N, C-alpha and C. Protein backbone atom coordinates (compact mmCIF):
# COMPACT_ATOMS: atom_id res chain seq x y z
N UNK A 1 39.81 -66.44 -52.75
CA UNK A 1 41.01 -65.63 -52.92
C UNK A 1 41.09 -64.65 -51.75
N UNK A 2 42.31 -64.40 -51.30
CA UNK A 2 42.50 -63.46 -50.19
C UNK A 2 42.40 -62.03 -50.70
N UNK A 3 42.64 -61.08 -49.85
CA UNK A 3 42.57 -59.67 -50.21
C UNK A 3 43.76 -59.21 -51.04
N UNK A 4 44.68 -60.12 -51.35
CA UNK A 4 45.85 -59.77 -52.15
C UNK A 4 45.54 -59.98 -53.62
N UNK A 5 46.07 -59.09 -54.46
CA UNK A 5 45.92 -59.27 -55.90
C UNK A 5 46.84 -60.39 -56.34
N UNK A 6 46.30 -61.28 -57.13
CA UNK A 6 47.10 -62.39 -57.63
C UNK A 6 47.81 -61.97 -58.90
N UNK A 7 49.07 -62.33 -59.00
CA UNK A 7 49.84 -62.07 -60.22
C UNK A 7 49.43 -63.11 -61.26
N UNK A 8 49.45 -62.73 -62.52
CA UNK A 8 49.12 -63.72 -63.53
C UNK A 8 50.13 -64.86 -63.52
N UNK A 9 49.65 -66.05 -63.80
CA UNK A 9 50.53 -67.22 -63.79
C UNK A 9 51.51 -67.12 -64.95
N UNK A 10 52.76 -67.47 -64.66
CA UNK A 10 53.79 -67.49 -65.72
C UNK A 10 53.63 -68.78 -66.51
N UNK A 11 53.99 -68.76 -67.77
CA UNK A 11 53.92 -69.98 -68.56
C UNK A 11 54.79 -71.07 -67.96
N UNK A 12 54.40 -72.31 -68.14
CA UNK A 12 55.18 -73.43 -67.62
C UNK A 12 56.62 -73.32 -68.10
N UNK A 13 57.55 -73.52 -67.17
CA UNK A 13 58.96 -73.47 -67.52
C UNK A 13 59.57 -72.08 -67.47
N UNK A 14 58.74 -71.05 -67.30
CA UNK A 14 59.29 -69.69 -67.24
C UNK A 14 60.08 -69.52 -65.96
N UNK A 15 61.22 -68.86 -66.06
CA UNK A 15 62.03 -68.65 -64.86
C UNK A 15 62.20 -67.17 -64.56
N UNK A 16 61.24 -66.35 -64.96
CA UNK A 16 61.33 -64.92 -64.70
C UNK A 16 61.33 -64.61 -63.21
N UNK A 17 60.80 -65.51 -62.41
CA UNK A 17 60.81 -65.31 -60.96
C UNK A 17 62.24 -65.20 -60.44
N UNK A 18 63.19 -65.79 -61.13
CA UNK A 18 64.60 -65.70 -60.73
C UNK A 18 65.15 -64.29 -60.90
N UNK A 19 64.54 -63.50 -61.79
CA UNK A 19 65.01 -62.14 -62.03
C UNK A 19 64.82 -61.23 -60.82
N UNK A 20 63.96 -61.60 -59.92
CA UNK A 20 63.72 -60.81 -58.70
C UNK A 20 64.83 -60.99 -57.67
N UNK A 21 65.68 -62.00 -57.86
CA UNK A 21 66.76 -62.26 -56.91
C UNK A 21 67.97 -61.40 -57.27
N UNK A 22 68.48 -60.68 -56.28
CA UNK A 22 69.65 -59.80 -56.47
C UNK A 22 70.92 -60.60 -56.16
N UNK A 23 71.43 -61.29 -57.17
CA UNK A 23 72.67 -62.03 -57.01
C UNK A 23 73.82 -61.03 -56.91
N UNK A 24 74.85 -61.36 -56.13
CA UNK A 24 75.99 -60.45 -55.96
C UNK A 24 76.89 -60.45 -57.19
N UNK A 25 78.00 -59.73 -57.11
CA UNK A 25 78.91 -59.61 -58.25
C UNK A 25 79.48 -60.95 -58.69
N UNK A 26 79.54 -61.91 -57.78
CA UNK A 26 80.02 -63.25 -58.11
C UNK A 26 78.90 -64.15 -58.61
N UNK A 27 77.68 -63.60 -58.69
CA UNK A 27 76.55 -64.38 -59.16
C UNK A 27 75.92 -65.26 -58.09
N UNK A 28 76.16 -64.93 -56.82
CA UNK A 28 75.67 -65.74 -55.71
C UNK A 28 74.71 -64.96 -54.84
N UNK A 29 73.88 -65.70 -54.11
CA UNK A 29 72.97 -65.13 -53.13
C UNK A 29 73.06 -65.99 -51.87
N UNK A 30 73.05 -65.38 -50.67
CA UNK A 30 73.01 -66.20 -49.47
C UNK A 30 71.66 -66.89 -49.34
N UNK A 31 71.71 -68.14 -48.88
CA UNK A 31 70.51 -68.94 -48.68
C UNK A 31 70.49 -69.43 -47.24
N UNK A 32 69.38 -69.19 -46.58
CA UNK A 32 69.16 -69.69 -45.22
C UNK A 32 68.31 -70.94 -45.33
N UNK A 33 68.79 -72.04 -44.78
CA UNK A 33 67.99 -73.27 -44.70
C UNK A 33 67.30 -73.26 -43.34
N UNK A 34 65.98 -73.24 -43.37
CA UNK A 34 65.19 -73.14 -42.16
C UNK A 34 64.25 -74.34 -42.08
N UNK A 35 64.19 -74.96 -40.91
CA UNK A 35 63.31 -76.11 -40.70
C UNK A 35 61.87 -75.67 -40.92
N UNK A 36 61.16 -76.36 -41.78
CA UNK A 36 59.80 -75.96 -42.16
C UNK A 36 58.84 -76.01 -40.97
N UNK A 37 58.95 -77.01 -40.11
CA UNK A 37 57.95 -77.14 -39.05
C UNK A 37 58.19 -76.24 -37.85
N UNK A 38 59.41 -76.18 -37.34
CA UNK A 38 59.63 -75.37 -36.12
C UNK A 38 60.38 -74.06 -36.38
N UNK A 39 60.73 -73.81 -37.64
CA UNK A 39 61.38 -72.56 -38.08
C UNK A 39 62.80 -72.37 -37.54
N UNK A 40 63.42 -73.43 -37.04
CA UNK A 40 64.80 -73.35 -36.58
C UNK A 40 65.73 -73.12 -37.77
N UNK A 41 66.69 -72.22 -37.62
CA UNK A 41 67.69 -71.99 -38.66
C UNK A 41 68.68 -73.16 -38.62
N UNK A 42 68.83 -73.84 -39.73
CA UNK A 42 69.72 -74.99 -39.79
C UNK A 42 71.10 -74.65 -40.30
N UNK A 43 71.16 -73.82 -41.34
CA UNK A 43 72.45 -73.50 -41.94
C UNK A 43 72.31 -72.31 -42.87
N UNK A 44 73.43 -71.74 -43.26
CA UNK A 44 73.48 -70.68 -44.26
C UNK A 44 74.49 -71.14 -45.31
N UNK A 45 74.11 -70.98 -46.56
CA UNK A 45 74.99 -71.36 -47.66
C UNK A 45 74.81 -70.34 -48.78
N UNK A 46 75.34 -70.63 -49.94
CA UNK A 46 75.26 -69.75 -51.10
C UNK A 46 74.65 -70.52 -52.25
N UNK A 47 74.04 -69.81 -53.18
CA UNK A 47 73.51 -70.44 -54.39
C UNK A 47 73.63 -69.47 -55.55
N UNK A 48 73.82 -70.02 -56.75
CA UNK A 48 73.76 -69.19 -57.94
C UNK A 48 72.39 -69.40 -58.59
N UNK A 49 72.16 -68.74 -59.67
CA UNK A 49 70.85 -68.78 -60.34
C UNK A 49 70.46 -70.23 -60.69
N UNK A 50 71.40 -70.98 -61.24
CA UNK A 50 71.11 -72.37 -61.62
C UNK A 50 70.79 -73.23 -60.41
N UNK A 51 71.46 -72.97 -59.28
CA UNK A 51 71.20 -73.74 -58.06
C UNK A 51 69.79 -73.49 -57.53
N UNK A 52 69.39 -72.22 -57.52
CA UNK A 52 68.04 -71.88 -57.05
C UNK A 52 67.00 -72.48 -57.99
N UNK A 53 67.25 -72.40 -59.28
CA UNK A 53 66.32 -72.99 -60.26
C UNK A 53 66.24 -74.50 -60.08
N UNK A 54 67.37 -75.15 -59.86
CA UNK A 54 67.40 -76.60 -59.64
C UNK A 54 66.65 -76.97 -58.36
N UNK A 55 66.82 -76.17 -57.32
CA UNK A 55 66.10 -76.41 -56.06
C UNK A 55 64.60 -76.36 -56.29
N UNK A 56 64.16 -75.32 -57.00
CA UNK A 56 62.73 -75.18 -57.25
C UNK A 56 62.21 -76.34 -58.11
N UNK A 57 62.96 -76.74 -59.10
CA UNK A 57 62.52 -77.79 -60.01
C UNK A 57 62.53 -79.18 -59.36
N UNK A 58 63.56 -79.45 -58.57
CA UNK A 58 63.72 -80.80 -58.00
C UNK A 58 63.08 -80.96 -56.63
N UNK A 59 62.93 -79.85 -55.89
CA UNK A 59 62.45 -79.93 -54.52
C UNK A 59 63.52 -80.35 -53.54
N UNK A 60 64.76 -80.42 -53.99
CA UNK A 60 65.87 -80.79 -53.13
C UNK A 60 66.83 -79.61 -53.02
N UNK A 61 67.27 -79.32 -51.79
CA UNK A 61 68.13 -78.16 -51.54
C UNK A 61 69.44 -78.30 -52.30
N UNK A 62 69.70 -77.30 -53.14
CA UNK A 62 70.91 -77.27 -53.95
C UNK A 62 71.59 -75.93 -53.73
N UNK A 63 72.89 -75.97 -53.54
CA UNK A 63 73.66 -74.79 -53.21
C UNK A 63 74.89 -74.71 -54.11
N UNK A 64 75.63 -73.62 -53.95
CA UNK A 64 76.93 -73.49 -54.60
C UNK A 64 77.98 -73.57 -53.51
N UNK A 65 78.86 -74.54 -53.60
CA UNK A 65 79.94 -74.69 -52.63
C UNK A 65 81.11 -73.82 -53.06
N UNK A 66 81.38 -72.79 -52.29
CA UNK A 66 82.51 -71.92 -52.61
C UNK A 66 83.83 -72.66 -52.42
N UNK A 67 83.91 -73.54 -51.43
CA UNK A 67 85.16 -74.27 -51.20
C UNK A 67 85.43 -75.29 -52.31
N UNK A 68 84.37 -75.89 -52.86
CA UNK A 68 84.54 -76.87 -53.94
C UNK A 68 84.44 -76.22 -55.32
N UNK A 69 83.97 -74.96 -55.35
CA UNK A 69 83.77 -74.21 -56.59
C UNK A 69 82.87 -74.97 -57.57
N UNK A 70 81.74 -75.48 -57.03
CA UNK A 70 80.80 -76.21 -57.87
C UNK A 70 79.45 -76.34 -57.18
N UNK A 71 78.46 -76.77 -57.96
CA UNK A 71 77.13 -77.04 -57.41
C UNK A 71 77.23 -78.16 -56.39
N UNK A 72 76.40 -78.03 -55.35
CA UNK A 72 76.40 -79.00 -54.27
C UNK A 72 74.96 -79.25 -53.83
N UNK A 73 74.49 -80.45 -54.03
CA UNK A 73 73.17 -80.82 -53.53
C UNK A 73 73.37 -81.34 -52.11
N UNK A 74 72.68 -80.73 -51.17
CA UNK A 74 72.81 -81.12 -49.77
C UNK A 74 72.54 -82.61 -49.64
N UNK A 75 73.48 -83.30 -49.02
CA UNK A 75 73.35 -84.73 -48.78
C UNK A 75 74.06 -85.60 -49.79
N UNK A 76 74.70 -84.99 -50.80
CA UNK A 76 75.35 -85.82 -51.82
C UNK A 76 76.49 -86.65 -51.25
N UNK A 77 77.11 -86.18 -50.17
CA UNK A 77 78.17 -86.96 -49.53
C UNK A 77 77.69 -87.59 -48.22
N UNK A 78 76.94 -86.83 -47.44
CA UNK A 78 76.53 -87.29 -46.11
C UNK A 78 75.23 -88.10 -46.13
N UNK A 79 74.43 -87.93 -47.17
CA UNK A 79 73.11 -88.56 -47.20
C UNK A 79 72.04 -87.73 -46.52
N UNK A 80 72.42 -86.58 -45.95
CA UNK A 80 71.50 -85.74 -45.20
C UNK A 80 70.79 -84.75 -46.14
N UNK A 81 69.90 -85.28 -46.94
CA UNK A 81 69.16 -84.52 -47.95
C UNK A 81 68.14 -83.60 -47.28
N UNK A 82 67.92 -82.45 -47.90
CA UNK A 82 66.89 -81.52 -47.44
C UNK A 82 65.81 -81.39 -48.51
N UNK A 83 64.59 -81.80 -48.17
CA UNK A 83 63.44 -81.63 -49.05
C UNK A 83 62.92 -80.21 -48.86
N UNK A 84 62.84 -79.44 -49.95
CA UNK A 84 62.42 -78.04 -49.86
C UNK A 84 60.92 -77.96 -50.03
N UNK A 85 60.26 -77.35 -49.05
CA UNK A 85 58.81 -77.19 -49.07
C UNK A 85 58.39 -75.83 -49.62
N UNK A 86 59.29 -74.83 -49.48
CA UNK A 86 58.92 -73.48 -49.89
C UNK A 86 60.19 -72.66 -50.07
N UNK A 87 60.17 -71.76 -51.04
CA UNK A 87 61.24 -70.78 -51.22
C UNK A 87 60.67 -69.42 -50.87
N UNK A 88 61.46 -68.61 -50.17
CA UNK A 88 61.07 -67.25 -49.82
C UNK A 88 62.21 -66.30 -50.16
N UNK A 89 61.83 -65.07 -50.48
CA UNK A 89 62.78 -64.04 -50.84
C UNK A 89 62.56 -62.85 -49.93
N UNK A 90 63.65 -62.27 -49.40
CA UNK A 90 63.51 -61.13 -48.50
C UNK A 90 63.12 -59.87 -49.26
N UNK A 91 62.82 -58.81 -48.52
CA UNK A 91 62.29 -57.57 -49.10
C UNK A 91 63.24 -56.91 -50.09
N UNK A 92 64.54 -57.07 -49.90
CA UNK A 92 65.52 -56.48 -50.81
C UNK A 92 65.87 -57.41 -51.97
N UNK A 93 65.40 -58.64 -51.90
CA UNK A 93 65.69 -59.61 -52.95
C UNK A 93 67.08 -60.18 -52.90
N UNK A 94 67.80 -59.96 -51.78
CA UNK A 94 69.19 -60.40 -51.74
C UNK A 94 69.48 -61.53 -50.75
N UNK A 95 68.43 -62.15 -50.22
CA UNK A 95 68.57 -63.34 -49.38
C UNK A 95 67.39 -64.25 -49.67
N UNK A 96 67.69 -65.53 -49.85
CA UNK A 96 66.66 -66.54 -50.10
C UNK A 96 66.58 -67.46 -48.89
N UNK A 97 65.37 -67.89 -48.58
CA UNK A 97 65.17 -68.91 -47.55
C UNK A 97 64.63 -70.16 -48.23
N UNK A 98 65.24 -71.29 -47.91
CA UNK A 98 64.67 -72.59 -48.26
C UNK A 98 64.02 -73.11 -46.98
N UNK A 99 62.70 -73.27 -46.98
CA UNK A 99 62.04 -73.93 -45.86
C UNK A 99 62.12 -75.42 -46.14
N UNK A 100 62.81 -76.15 -45.29
CA UNK A 100 63.16 -77.54 -45.57
C UNK A 100 62.66 -78.51 -44.53
N UNK A 101 62.55 -79.74 -44.96
CA UNK A 101 62.36 -80.89 -44.08
C UNK A 101 63.56 -81.80 -44.32
N UNK A 102 64.42 -81.95 -43.32
CA UNK A 102 65.53 -82.88 -43.50
C UNK A 102 64.98 -84.30 -43.69
N UNK A 103 65.48 -84.98 -44.72
CA UNK A 103 65.01 -86.33 -45.00
C UNK A 103 65.63 -87.32 -44.02
N UNK A 104 66.89 -87.11 -43.70
CA UNK A 104 67.54 -87.91 -42.67
C UNK A 104 68.76 -87.15 -42.19
N UNK A 105 69.11 -87.36 -40.97
CA UNK A 105 70.34 -86.81 -40.44
C UNK A 105 70.37 -85.31 -40.22
N UNK A 106 71.46 -84.86 -39.60
CA UNK A 106 71.63 -83.45 -39.25
C UNK A 106 72.03 -82.58 -40.43
N UNK A 107 71.84 -81.27 -40.27
CA UNK A 107 72.22 -80.31 -41.31
C UNK A 107 73.70 -79.97 -41.24
N UNK A 108 74.28 -79.98 -40.06
CA UNK A 108 75.65 -79.50 -39.88
C UNK A 108 76.68 -80.61 -40.07
N UNK A 109 77.81 -80.25 -40.70
CA UNK A 109 78.88 -81.22 -40.91
C UNK A 109 79.52 -81.67 -39.60
N UNK A 110 79.21 -80.98 -38.49
CA UNK A 110 79.72 -81.39 -37.18
C UNK A 110 78.87 -82.49 -36.55
N UNK A 111 77.78 -82.88 -37.24
CA UNK A 111 76.89 -83.92 -36.73
C UNK A 111 75.77 -83.38 -35.85
N UNK A 112 75.61 -82.05 -35.83
CA UNK A 112 74.55 -81.43 -35.04
C UNK A 112 73.37 -81.08 -35.95
N UNK A 113 72.20 -80.93 -35.35
CA UNK A 113 70.99 -80.63 -36.12
C UNK A 113 71.12 -79.31 -36.87
N UNK A 114 71.78 -78.34 -36.26
CA UNK A 114 71.93 -77.00 -36.83
C UNK A 114 73.38 -76.58 -36.77
N UNK A 115 73.79 -75.78 -37.74
CA UNK A 115 75.13 -75.20 -37.72
C UNK A 115 75.26 -74.13 -36.63
N UNK A 116 74.14 -73.68 -36.10
CA UNK A 116 74.13 -72.63 -35.07
C UNK A 116 74.01 -73.27 -33.69
N UNK A 117 75.04 -74.01 -33.32
CA UNK A 117 75.03 -74.78 -32.08
C UNK A 117 75.81 -74.12 -30.95
N UNK A 118 76.42 -72.96 -31.21
CA UNK A 118 77.18 -72.28 -30.17
C UNK A 118 76.45 -71.03 -29.71
N UNK A 119 76.48 -70.81 -28.39
CA UNK A 119 75.83 -69.64 -27.78
C UNK A 119 76.90 -68.86 -27.03
N UNK A 120 76.82 -67.53 -27.11
CA UNK A 120 77.75 -66.68 -26.39
C UNK A 120 77.35 -66.64 -24.92
N UNK A 121 78.25 -67.10 -24.06
CA UNK A 121 78.04 -67.10 -22.62
C UNK A 121 79.28 -66.54 -21.94
N UNK A 122 79.11 -65.43 -21.26
CA UNK A 122 80.23 -64.80 -20.54
C UNK A 122 81.45 -64.58 -21.43
N UNK A 123 81.20 -64.12 -22.65
CA UNK A 123 82.28 -63.80 -23.57
C UNK A 123 82.93 -64.99 -24.26
N UNK A 124 82.32 -66.18 -24.13
CA UNK A 124 82.88 -67.39 -24.74
C UNK A 124 81.78 -68.09 -25.53
N UNK A 125 82.11 -68.54 -26.75
CA UNK A 125 81.16 -69.32 -27.55
C UNK A 125 81.16 -70.76 -27.05
N UNK A 126 80.04 -71.20 -26.51
CA UNK A 126 79.94 -72.54 -25.94
C UNK A 126 78.97 -73.41 -26.75
N UNK A 127 79.39 -74.64 -27.09
CA UNK A 127 78.46 -75.55 -27.76
C UNK A 127 77.30 -75.87 -26.82
N UNK A 128 76.08 -75.73 -27.31
CA UNK A 128 74.92 -75.99 -26.47
C UNK A 128 73.98 -77.05 -27.06
N UNK A 129 74.28 -77.50 -28.27
CA UNK A 129 73.48 -78.56 -28.89
C UNK A 129 74.33 -79.81 -29.02
N UNK A 130 73.73 -80.96 -28.83
CA UNK A 130 74.50 -82.20 -28.87
C UNK A 130 74.88 -82.64 -30.29
N UNK A 131 75.94 -83.41 -30.36
CA UNK A 131 76.30 -84.09 -31.60
C UNK A 131 75.36 -85.28 -31.73
N UNK A 132 74.63 -85.34 -32.84
CA UNK A 132 73.66 -86.42 -33.07
C UNK A 132 74.28 -87.60 -33.81
N UNK A 133 75.23 -87.29 -34.68
CA UNK A 133 75.91 -88.31 -35.47
C UNK A 133 77.38 -87.96 -35.53
N UNK A 134 78.23 -88.93 -35.29
CA UNK A 134 79.67 -88.72 -35.38
C UNK A 134 80.00 -88.25 -36.80
N UNK A 135 80.63 -87.07 -36.94
CA UNK A 135 80.96 -86.56 -38.27
C UNK A 135 81.77 -87.53 -39.12
N UNK A 136 82.61 -88.35 -38.50
CA UNK A 136 83.41 -89.32 -39.24
C UNK A 136 82.50 -90.34 -39.93
N UNK A 137 81.36 -90.63 -39.34
CA UNK A 137 80.41 -91.57 -39.95
C UNK A 137 79.63 -90.93 -41.08
N UNK A 138 79.40 -89.63 -41.00
CA UNK A 138 78.63 -88.92 -42.03
C UNK A 138 79.34 -88.93 -43.37
N UNK A 139 80.64 -88.82 -43.37
CA UNK A 139 81.40 -88.63 -44.60
C UNK A 139 82.24 -89.84 -44.99
N UNK A 140 81.87 -91.03 -44.49
CA UNK A 140 82.57 -92.26 -44.87
C UNK A 140 81.91 -92.95 -46.03
N UNK A 141 80.93 -92.34 -46.65
CA UNK A 141 80.17 -92.99 -47.73
C UNK A 141 81.02 -93.26 -48.93
């Protein structure tokens, strides 16, 4: 055991760990999807309590789609599933990180590995990461 005090184990099925998350007035929390191996930020999305619980239970990244107004498991349309290796909570409890391993394909709907593909150069946002998969092919399923 390390020098840290271990918290007592919660009974199987207990979800009291969710109580530490500060969901906003709409019941959502921002979630950062971060590549587990190289720590690259892949995307930012939102999740409600049930989505975070489903992610923890299934090991598959699950979010709340504000545009669709429903639960959204990453890859349900594109096939670009994210296997979650670890969940982390920031110091204020108001941001969650999913450390993920993409099972196949890019994280971004533009066909790029990351949604953060533009860099500010001389006052202009310039795409600096390549398109890996034509977006039209991602969503033809």
